[in-house]
Amino acid sequence: MAGMGKRMRPHTLTVPKPLLPIAGKPIVQRLVEDLAKVCGEPVDEIAFIIGDFGKEVEKNLVKIAENLGAKGTICYQEEALGTAHAILCAKEALDGKVIVAFADTLFKADFKLDDEKDGVLWVQQIENPEQFGVVKVDENNVITDFVEKPTEFVSDLAMIGIYYFKDGAVLKDELQYLIDNNIIKSGEYQLPDALKNMTEKGMKFSPGTVDEWLDCGNKNAIVYTNNRVLHYNQDTDMVASSVKTENSVIIQPCYIGENAVLKNSVVGPHVSVGEGCTIENSVVSNSIVQTNTTLKHANFTNSMLGNFVEYLEYPNELSLGDYSTTGK
């Protein structure tokens, strides 16, 4: 999770993308909680590979791991040198069974790790494979090749950014081989090159499938992901008991955080509202409103507002960063 999140600006100017909230929880927290559920055994350690996010962020990440009964480790990628380089920044954690996950993706699935396989790479069949890294498989459903953003059709099975390795030490050696031999593309060391070397040496990776792949790469994607997570949790009460409502309607599913105030408003469906927000005389649907934000006379959908925003009287589709002020 060391990237700068440029596609999510202005929101990532103040908050790292994996800490943006989805239904009241940071993306990375939801990801590691979901992965812990499918492991089928206790998780010993969660290593977070980050940039310079600050000590408060690091403290929160460690707490996420500890809440799952795991040791939280902070690792740093100081230069953007690619996915293989990033993973190797956590080389001390690459031992035994390892899951590697990129923290800008969530998933909905019901699977368990298969200890008999050398590895599993989770994929999703997509319509636009030229925008993703894809895998080719043989007649036995074993992965035979990895192609990054193919210009011609070779496969429509896109890697979603979640990988299981039976032996993390082998992965570590292959990543180090790329660095030592300067196997680099467009200035970056790429994980698929290590995976290709491993398959050529006889390791067999299988494609894993998920029911739904939820990307968090840009504003529209993250709003859609928020929608889907709220849908999957619609049987859970996600409205805090401290929320105050006056002549207002909450159309479920919604997440409404602590001490939010709703006056003369309609909120929902598929809206997440952070703690300390005030919404007055407004209609909001299918959107994310982060903490301590004030909305008055607003009417919007498919939108994302940051923390400490003051928004008055502009019905539009929005993407406003922290501390923005609009209106009269």
Protein backbone atom coordinates (compact mmCIF):
# COMPACT_ATOMS: atom_id res chain seq x y z
CA MET A 1 0.00 0.00 0.00
CA ALA A 2 2.93 2.33 -0.66
CA GLY A 3 1.52 4.03 -3.75
CA MET A 4 0.56 7.71 -3.85
CA GLY A 5 -3.03 7.10 -4.96
CA LYS A 6 -2.94 9.80 -7.65
CA ARG A 7 -6.18 8.63 -9.26
CA MET A 8 -7.99 9.30 -5.98
CA ARG A 9 -6.88 12.90 -5.56
CA PRO A 10 -7.86 15.21 -3.91
CA HIS A 11 -8.85 12.66 -1.25
CA THR A 12 -5.39 11.11 -1.08
CA LEU A 13 -3.63 14.44 -0.56
CA THR A 14 -4.37 14.11 3.15
CA VAL A 15 -5.19 10.40 3.63
CA PRO A 16 -3.46 7.35 2.06
CA LYS A 17 -5.89 5.61 -0.29
CA PRO A 18 -6.05 2.33 1.66
CA LEU A 19 -7.28 4.28 4.69
CA LEU A 20 -10.24 5.82 2.87
CA PRO A 21 -13.46 4.55 4.44
CA ILE A 22 -15.82 1.97 3.00
CA ALA A 23 -19.00 1.67 5.10
CA GLY A 24 -17.19 3.11 8.09
CA LYS A 25 -13.99 1.06 7.90
CA PRO A 26 -10.72 1.77 6.06
CA ILE A 27 -10.29 -0.22 2.85
CA VAL A 28 -7.19 -1.99 4.18
CA GLN A 29 -8.98 -3.01 7.38
CA ARG A 30 -11.83 -4.59 5.43
CA LEU A 31 -9.30 -6.35 3.20
CA VAL A 32 -7.25 -7.95 5.98
CA GLU A 33 -10.39 -8.92 7.90
CA ASP A 34 -11.77 -10.68 4.81
CA LEU A 35 -8.45 -12.43 4.16
CA ALA A 36 -8.22 -13.58 7.78
CA LYS A 37 -11.63 -15.23 7.42
CA VAL A 38 -10.57 -17.35 4.45
CA CYS A 39 -7.20 -18.47 5.83
CA GLY A 40 -8.71 -21.28 7.87
CA GLU A 41 -6.02 -20.89 10.54
CA PRO A 42 -4.63 -18.11 12.74
CA VAL A 43 -2.72 -15.29 11.05
CA ASP A 44 0.69 -14.80 12.69
CA GLU A 45 1.76 -11.52 11.13
CA ILE A 46 0.45 -8.77 8.89
CA ALA A 47 3.16 -6.70 7.22
CA PHE A 48 2.02 -3.36 5.83
CA ILE A 49 4.28 -2.02 3.06
CA ILE A 50 3.83 1.74 3.08
CA GLY A 51 5.42 5.04 2.13
CA ASP A 52 5.89 7.92 4.56
CA PHE A 53 2.40 7.92 6.03
CA GLY A 54 3.26 9.23 9.50
CA LYS A 55 3.38 7.62 12.91
CA GLU A 56 -0.35 7.95 13.61
CA VAL A 57 -1.18 5.94 10.48
CA GLU A 58 1.42 3.33 11.40
CA LYS A 59 -0.07 3.04 14.87
CA ASN A 60 -3.55 2.48 13.41
CA LEU A 61 -2.27 -0.18 11.03
CA VAL A 62 -0.57 -2.10 13.82
CA LYS A 63 -3.82 -1.94 15.79
CA ILE A 64 -5.74 -3.43 12.84
CA ALA A 65 -3.37 -6.43 12.90
CA GLU A 66 -3.49 -6.80 16.66
CA ASN A 67 -7.29 -6.82 16.62
CA LEU A 68 -7.01 -9.95 14.47
CA GLY A 69 -4.60 -11.58 16.90
CA ALA A 70 -1.60 -10.97 14.65
CA LYS A 71 1.66 -9.10 14.93
CA GLY A 72 1.59 -5.86 12.96
CA THR A 73 4.79 -4.93 11.10
CA ILE A 74 5.48 -1.70 9.25
CA CYS A 75 7.73 -1.92 6.20
CA TYR A 76 8.75 0.95 3.94
CA GLN A 77 9.09 1.28 0.19
CA GLU A 78 11.01 4.52 -0.17
CA GLU A 79 11.12 4.47 -3.98
CA ALA A 80 8.35 3.48 -6.39
CA LEU A 81 10.27 0.62 -8.00
CA GLY A 82 7.40 -1.74 -8.75
CA THR A 83 5.37 -4.50 -7.17
CA ALA A 84 8.19 -7.04 -6.84
CA HIS A 85 10.40 -4.48 -5.10
CA ALA A 86 7.52 -3.48 -2.81
CA ILE A 87 6.83 -7.03 -1.65
CA LEU A 88 10.53 -7.64 -1.04
CA CYS A 89 10.50 -4.67 1.36
CA ALA A 90 8.71 -7.09 3.71
CA LYS A 91 11.24 -9.88 3.15
CA GLU A 92 11.48 -10.72 6.86
CA ALA A 93 7.80 -11.74 6.72
CA LEU A 94 8.18 -13.92 3.60
CA ASP A 95 8.40 -17.28 5.32
CA GLY A 96 5.98 -20.20 5.33
CA LYS A 97 2.49 -19.65 4.01
CA VAL A 98 2.09 -16.13 2.65
CA ILE A 99 -0.74 -14.09 1.21
CA VAL A 100 0.19 -11.02 -0.80
CA ALA A 101 -2.56 -8.47 -1.37
CA PHE A 102 -2.67 -5.02 -2.91
CA ALA A 103 -4.66 -2.73 -0.66
CA ASP A 104 -6.81 -1.07 -3.31
CA THR A 105 -9.08 -4.04 -3.89
CA LEU A 106 -11.81 -5.82 -1.97
CA PHE A 107 -13.60 -9.03 -2.83
CA LYS A 108 -16.66 -11.11 -2.06
CA ALA A 109 -15.92 -14.83 -2.01
CA ASP A 110 -16.41 -18.09 -0.17
CA PHE A 111 -13.18 -20.08 -0.43
CA LYS A 112 -10.51 -21.69 1.71
CA LEU A 113 -6.79 -21.88 1.00
CA ASP A 114 -5.66 -25.14 -0.59
CA ASP A 115 -2.48 -26.34 1.13
CA GLU A 116 -1.85 -28.86 -1.64
CA LYS A 117 -1.16 -26.19 -4.24
CA ASP A 118 2.12 -24.32 -4.73
CA GLY A 119 0.07 -21.17 -4.99
CA VAL A 120 -3.24 -19.60 -5.92
CA LEU A 121 -3.68 -16.37 -7.87
CA TRP A 122 -7.16 -14.96 -7.68
CA VAL A 123 -8.64 -13.79 -10.96
CA GLN A 124 -11.83 -12.34 -12.38
CA GLN A 125 -13.12 -12.70 -15.93
CA ILE A 126 -13.37 -9.21 -17.42
CA GLU A 127 -14.36 -7.46 -20.63
CA ASN A 128 -11.34 -5.14 -20.93
CA PRO A 129 -8.22 -7.28 -20.29
CA GLU A 130 -5.92 -4.74 -21.96
CA GLN A 131 -6.15 -2.63 -18.80
CA PHE A 132 -4.96 -5.38 -16.42
CA GLY A 133 -2.43 -8.11 -15.88
CA VAL A 134 -3.90 -11.41 -17.05
CA VAL A 135 -3.05 -15.12 -16.79
CA LYS A 136 -3.15 -17.92 -19.34
CA VAL A 137 -4.18 -21.42 -18.22
CA ASP A 138 -3.82 -24.87 -19.76
CA GLU A 139 -6.37 -27.66 -20.10
CA ASN A 140 -5.72 -28.69 -16.48
CA ASN A 141 -6.52 -25.17 -15.22
CA VAL A 142 -2.88 -24.57 -14.31
CA ILE A 143 -1.46 -21.11 -14.98
CA THR A 144 1.12 -21.14 -17.76
CA ASP A 145 1.86 -17.47 -18.41
CA PHE A 146 1.43 -13.94 -17.10
CA VAL A 147 0.87 -10.96 -19.40
CA GLU A 148 0.76 -7.36 -18.19
CA LYS A 149 -1.80 -5.19 -20.03
CA PRO A 150 -1.85 -7.20 -23.27
CA THR A 151 -2.21 -5.20 -26.48
CA GLU A 152 -3.68 -8.27 -28.22
CA PHE A 153 -6.13 -10.74 -26.67
CA VAL A 154 -4.41 -13.59 -24.83
CA SER A 155 -6.80 -14.08 -21.90
CA ASP A 156 -9.68 -12.37 -20.09
CA LEU A 157 -8.70 -13.64 -16.63
CA ALA A 158 -7.41 -10.58 -14.78
CA MET A 159 -5.30 -10.84 -11.65
CA ILE A 160 -7.16 -8.97 -8.91
CA GLY A 161 -4.13 -8.44 -6.68
CA ILE A 162 -4.46 -11.29 -4.15
CA TYR A 163 -1.94 -14.15 -4.17
CA TYR A 164 -1.29 -17.20 -1.99
CA PHE A 165 2.12 -18.87 -1.80
CA LYS A 166 2.69 -22.14 0.01
CA ASP A 167 6.35 -21.25 0.59
CA GLY A 168 7.11 -17.57 1.04
CA ALA A 169 10.86 -18.21 1.06
CA VAL A 170 10.72 -19.32 -2.58
CA LEU A 171 8.89 -16.12 -3.48
CA LYS A 172 11.49 -14.09 -1.62
CA ASP A 173 14.34 -15.74 -3.54
CA GLU A 174 12.66 -15.07 -6.90
CA LEU A 175 12.02 -11.43 -6.03
CA GLN A 176 15.63 -11.01 -4.97
CA TYR A 177 16.73 -12.59 -8.26
CA LEU A 178 14.94 -9.84 -10.18
CA ILE A 179 16.70 -7.16 -8.16
CA ASP A 180 20.13 -8.78 -8.32
CA ASN A 181 19.91 -9.27 -12.09
CA ASN A 182 18.25 -5.93 -12.79
CA ILE A 183 15.25 -7.54 -14.51
CA ILE A 184 13.28 -4.36 -14.86
CA LYS A 185 10.49 -3.03 -17.10
CA SER A 186 9.63 0.65 -17.47
CA GLY A 187 11.78 1.40 -14.45
CA GLU A 188 10.04 -1.13 -12.18
CA TYR A 189 10.56 -4.66 -10.88
CA GLN A 190 7.33 -6.56 -11.58
CA LEU A 191 5.79 -9.43 -9.62
CA PRO A 192 4.59 -11.26 -12.78
CA ASP A 193 8.24 -11.69 -13.85
CA ALA A 194 8.93 -13.56 -10.60
CA LEU A 195 5.78 -15.63 -11.04
CA LYS A 196 6.81 -16.54 -14.57
CA ASN A 197 10.22 -17.72 -13.34
CA MET A 198 8.55 -19.85 -10.68
CA THR A 199 6.23 -21.57 -13.19
CA GLU A 200 9.14 -22.22 -15.55
CA LYS A 201 10.89 -24.03 -12.68
CA GLY A 202 7.91 -26.35 -12.29
CA MET A 203 5.77 -24.66 -9.66
CA LYS A 204 2.07 -24.95 -10.36
CA PHE A 205 -0.23 -22.04 -9.64
CA SER A 206 -3.98 -22.31 -9.93
CA PRO A 207 -6.44 -19.51 -10.64
CA GLY A 208 -8.80 -18.80 -7.78
CA THR A 209 -12.16 -17.18 -8.39
CA VAL A 210 -14.19 -14.69 -6.40
CA ASP A 211 -17.91 -13.94 -6.52
CA GLU A 212 -17.23 -10.24 -6.93
CA TRP A 213 -14.12 -8.11 -7.34
CA LEU A 214 -14.47 -4.62 -5.92
CA ASP A 215 -11.90 -2.16 -7.20
CA CYS A 216 -11.03 0.97 -5.21
CA GLY A 217 -8.89 2.68 -7.84
CA ASN A 218 -10.86 5.88 -8.46
CA LYS A 219 -13.81 7.88 -7.15
CA ASN A 220 -16.53 6.08 -9.12
CA ALA A 221 -15.07 2.69 -8.26
CA ILE A 222 -14.82 3.41 -4.55
CA VAL A 223 -18.39 4.77 -4.42
CA TYR A 224 -19.58 1.61 -6.18
CA THR A 225 -17.59 -0.55 -3.76
CA ASN A 226 -19.17 1.28 -0.83
CA ASN A 227 -22.56 0.52 -2.39
CA ARG A 228 -21.79 -3.20 -2.64
CA VAL A 229 -20.33 -3.51 0.86
CA LEU A 230 -23.42 -1.82 2.32
CA HIS A 231 -25.56 -4.23 0.30
CA TYR A 232 -23.72 -7.26 1.65
CA ASN A 233 -24.11 -5.95 5.21
CA GLN A 234 -27.71 -4.77 4.94
CA ASP A 235 -28.85 -7.15 7.66
CA THR A 236 -26.47 -5.44 10.12
CA ASP A 237 -27.50 -2.26 11.91
CA MET A 238 -24.85 0.25 10.87
CA VAL A 239 -26.54 3.38 12.25
CA ALA A 240 -24.84 4.48 15.49
CA SER A 241 -27.09 4.86 18.53
CA SER A 242 -25.82 8.43 19.02
CA VAL A 243 -27.14 9.60 15.64
CA LYS A 244 -29.73 12.37 16.01
CA THR A 245 -32.52 12.65 13.46
CA GLU A 246 -35.13 15.37 13.08
CA ASN A 247 -37.81 15.06 10.41
CA SER A 248 -35.46 12.88 8.38
CA VAL A 249 -35.54 9.54 6.59
CA ILE A 250 -32.72 7.00 6.36
CA ILE A 251 -33.24 4.64 3.41
CA GLN A 252 -31.23 1.49 4.10
CA PRO A 253 -28.66 0.20 3.60
CA CYS A 254 -26.60 3.01 5.11
CA TYR A 255 -23.72 3.50 7.49
CA ILE A 256 -24.16 6.52 9.80
CA GLY A 257 -21.32 7.21 12.24
CA GLU A 258 -21.28 8.42 15.83
CA ASN A 259 -22.84 11.78 16.69
CA ALA A 260 -24.05 12.52 13.17
CA VAL A 261 -27.03 14.88 12.93
CA LEU A 262 -29.71 14.63 10.23
CA LYS A 263 -32.32 17.40 9.90
CA ASN A 264 -35.07 17.62 7.28
CA SER A 265 -33.13 15.27 5.04
CA VAL A 266 -33.32 12.03 3.11
CA VAL A 267 -30.16 9.93 3.32
CA GLY A 268 -29.77 6.71 1.36
CA PRO A 269 -29.82 4.22 -0.01
CA HIS A 270 -26.14 3.18 -0.14
CA VAL A 271 -24.71 6.15 1.76
CA SER A 272 -21.86 6.15 4.28
CA VAL A 273 -21.72 9.14 6.64
CA GLY A 274 -18.78 9.53 9.00
CA GLU A 275 -18.84 10.57 12.62
CA GLY A 276 -19.58 14.16 13.56
CA CYS A 277 -21.35 15.05 10.31
CA THR A 278 -24.35 17.38 10.02
CA ILE A 279 -26.78 17.03 7.10
CA GLU A 280 -29.61 19.56 6.81
CA ASN A 281 -32.32 20.08 4.19
CA SER A 282 -30.56 17.66 1.87
CA VAL A 283 -31.07 14.58 -0.26
CA VAL A 284 -28.04 12.27 -0.53
CA SER A 285 -27.86 8.82 -2.14
CA ASN A 286 -25.14 6.37 -3.26
CA SER A 287 -22.31 8.45 -1.79
CA ILE A 288 -19.55 8.61 0.80
CA VAL A 289 -19.39 11.51 3.24
CA GLN A 290 -16.38 11.35 5.55
CA THR A 291 -16.08 12.76 9.06
CA ASN A 292 -17.01 16.16 10.51
CA THR A 293 -18.59 17.40 7.30
CA THR A 294 -21.55 19.79 7.05
CA LEU A 295 -24.08 19.63 4.21
CA LYS A 296 -26.90 22.13 3.78
CA HIS A 297 -29.37 22.29 0.88
CA ALA A 298 -27.44 19.59 -0.93
CA ASN A 299 -28.86 17.21 -3.50
CA PHE A 300 -26.43 14.72 -5.00
CA THR A 301 -25.61 11.11 -5.79
CA ASN A 302 -22.53 9.10 -6.88
CA SER A 303 -20.32 11.44 -4.88
CA MET A 304 -17.50 11.39 -2.37
CA LEU A 305 -16.74 14.13 0.15
CA GLY A 306 -13.73 14.28 2.44
CA ASN A 307 -13.32 15.27 6.08
CA PHE A 308 -14.23 18.72 7.44
CA VAL A 309 -16.03 19.75 4.24
CA GLU A 310 -18.61 22.54 4.26
CA TYR A 311 -20.96 22.09 1.32
CA LEU A 312 -23.86 24.44 0.59
CA GLU A 313 -26.36 24.44 -2.25
CA TYR A 314 -24.69 22.94 -5.30
CA PRO A 315 -26.58 19.85 -6.58
CA ASN A 316 -23.98 18.03 -8.66
CA GLU A 317 -21.88 14.90 -8.87
CA LEU A 318 -18.91 15.58 -6.61
CA SER A 319 -15.41 14.63 -5.59
CA LEU A 320 -14.28 17.05 -2.86
CA GLY A 321 -11.16 16.64 -0.74
CA ASP A 322 -10.63 17.35 2.95
CA TYR A 323 -11.26 20.86 4.30
CA SER A 324 -13.07 22.01 1.13
CA THR A 325 -15.58 24.86 1.44
CA THR A 326 -18.26 25.61 -1.15
CA GLY A 327 -21.42 27.66 -1.40
CA LYS A 328 -22.54 30.96 0.04
